[in-house]
């Protein structure tokens, strides 16, 4: 059985080599290779799910805390700058 189909632009030796490689490889191995392009998005989705759950559960609280802290730091630097300007003038 031949499981590979060489393109029409392959030369005869290239097609023979391709058919020899395909005959030596079991069909079960070829199935896993053919499913590889579908596994990549699934792995990506599996990696994204924890991030999504984190964003939904903690993200809004964390963002509000970071925003509050950054505003407090900005206010502190603003007051410090105003104090220095008053002392210099």
Protein backbone atom coordinates (compact mmCIF):
# COMPACT_ATOMS: atom_id res chain seq x y z
CA UNK A 1 0.00 0.00 0.00
CA UNK A 2 1.17 3.51 -0.81
CA UNK A 3 -0.04 6.19 1.56
CA UNK A 4 1.86 9.12 0.03
CA UNK A 5 0.95 10.81 -3.19
CA UNK A 6 3.90 12.59 -4.80
CA UNK A 7 3.13 15.85 -6.57
CA UNK A 8 3.10 15.87 -10.37
CA UNK A 9 6.27 17.99 -10.57
CA UNK A 10 8.39 15.35 -8.74
CA UNK A 11 10.87 13.48 -10.86
CA UNK A 12 10.70 9.71 -11.03
CA UNK A 13 13.54 9.16 -8.50
CA UNK A 14 11.94 11.60 -6.07
CA UNK A 15 8.58 9.85 -6.37
CA UNK A 16 10.23 6.45 -5.90
CA UNK A 17 12.02 7.66 -2.77
CA UNK A 18 8.83 9.17 -1.37
CA UNK A 19 6.90 5.97 -1.98
CA UNK A 20 9.68 3.91 -0.37
CA UNK A 21 9.63 6.09 2.74
CA UNK A 22 5.85 5.92 2.95
CA UNK A 23 5.80 2.15 2.56
CA UNK A 24 8.30 1.73 5.40
CA UNK A 25 6.36 3.90 7.82
CA UNK A 26 3.35 2.29 9.55
CA UNK A 27 -0.01 3.89 8.93
CA UNK A 28 -0.50 4.64 12.65
CA UNK A 29 2.59 6.88 12.61
CA UNK A 30 1.22 8.74 9.62
CA UNK A 31 -2.04 9.45 11.43
CA UNK A 32 -0.21 11.24 14.26
CA UNK A 33 1.78 13.28 11.77
CA UNK A 34 -1.38 14.23 9.90
CA UNK A 35 -3.05 15.30 13.17
CA UNK A 36 -0.14 17.55 14.21
CA UNK A 37 -1.56 20.75 12.62
CA UNK A 38 -4.75 20.26 14.64
CA UNK A 39 -2.87 19.62 17.87
CA UNK A 40 -1.05 22.96 17.79
CA UNK A 41 -4.22 25.10 18.17
CA UNK A 42 -5.51 22.71 20.83
CA UNK A 43 -2.31 23.09 22.83
CA UNK A 44 -2.54 26.85 22.41
CA UNK A 45 -6.11 26.80 23.67
CA UNK A 46 -5.07 24.66 26.63
CA UNK A 47 -2.40 27.24 27.46
CA UNK A 48 -4.84 30.16 27.10
CA UNK A 49 -7.60 28.75 29.34
CA UNK A 50 -5.73 29.35 32.65
CA UNK A 51 -4.89 32.90 31.55
CA UNK A 52 -8.51 33.54 30.66
CA UNK A 53 -9.75 32.13 33.97
CA UNK A 54 -7.20 34.25 35.84
CA UNK A 55 -8.30 37.38 33.98
CA UNK A 56 -11.97 36.70 34.68
CA UNK A 57 -11.59 35.83 38.35
CA UNK A 58 -8.75 38.05 39.56
CA UNK A 59 -8.01 40.36 36.67
CA UNK A 60 -10.49 43.11 37.46
CA UNK A 61 -9.57 43.20 41.14
CA UNK A 62 -5.86 43.16 40.34
CA UNK A 63 -6.22 45.88 37.71
CA UNK A 64 -8.11 48.12 40.10
CA UNK A 65 -5.46 47.63 42.78
CA UNK A 66 -2.63 48.39 40.36
CA UNK A 67 -4.48 51.47 39.12
CA UNK A 68 -5.01 52.68 42.69
CA UNK A 69 -1.36 52.14 43.62
CA UNK A 70 -0.10 53.90 40.48
CA UNK A 71 -2.39 56.88 41.16
CA UNK A 72 -1.15 57.08 44.75
CA UNK A 73 2.47 57.03 43.58
CA UNK A 74 1.71 59.70 41.00
CA UNK A 75 0.02 61.87 43.64
CA UNK A 76 2.95 61.43 46.03
CA UNK A 77 5.45 62.52 43.37
CA UNK A 78 3.23 65.44 42.44
CA UNK A 79 3.08 66.61 46.07
CA UNK A 80 6.83 66.12 46.43
CA UNK A 81 7.49 68.16 43.28
CA UNK A 82 5.20 70.94 44.54
CA UNK A 83 6.97 70.91 47.90
CA UNK A 84 10.39 71.16 46.24
CA UNK A 85 9.17 74.00 44.01
CA UNK A 86 7.93 75.89 47.07
CA UNK A 87 11.24 75.42 48.88
CA UNK A 88 13.31 76.48 45.87
CA UNK A 89 11.22 79.57 45.14
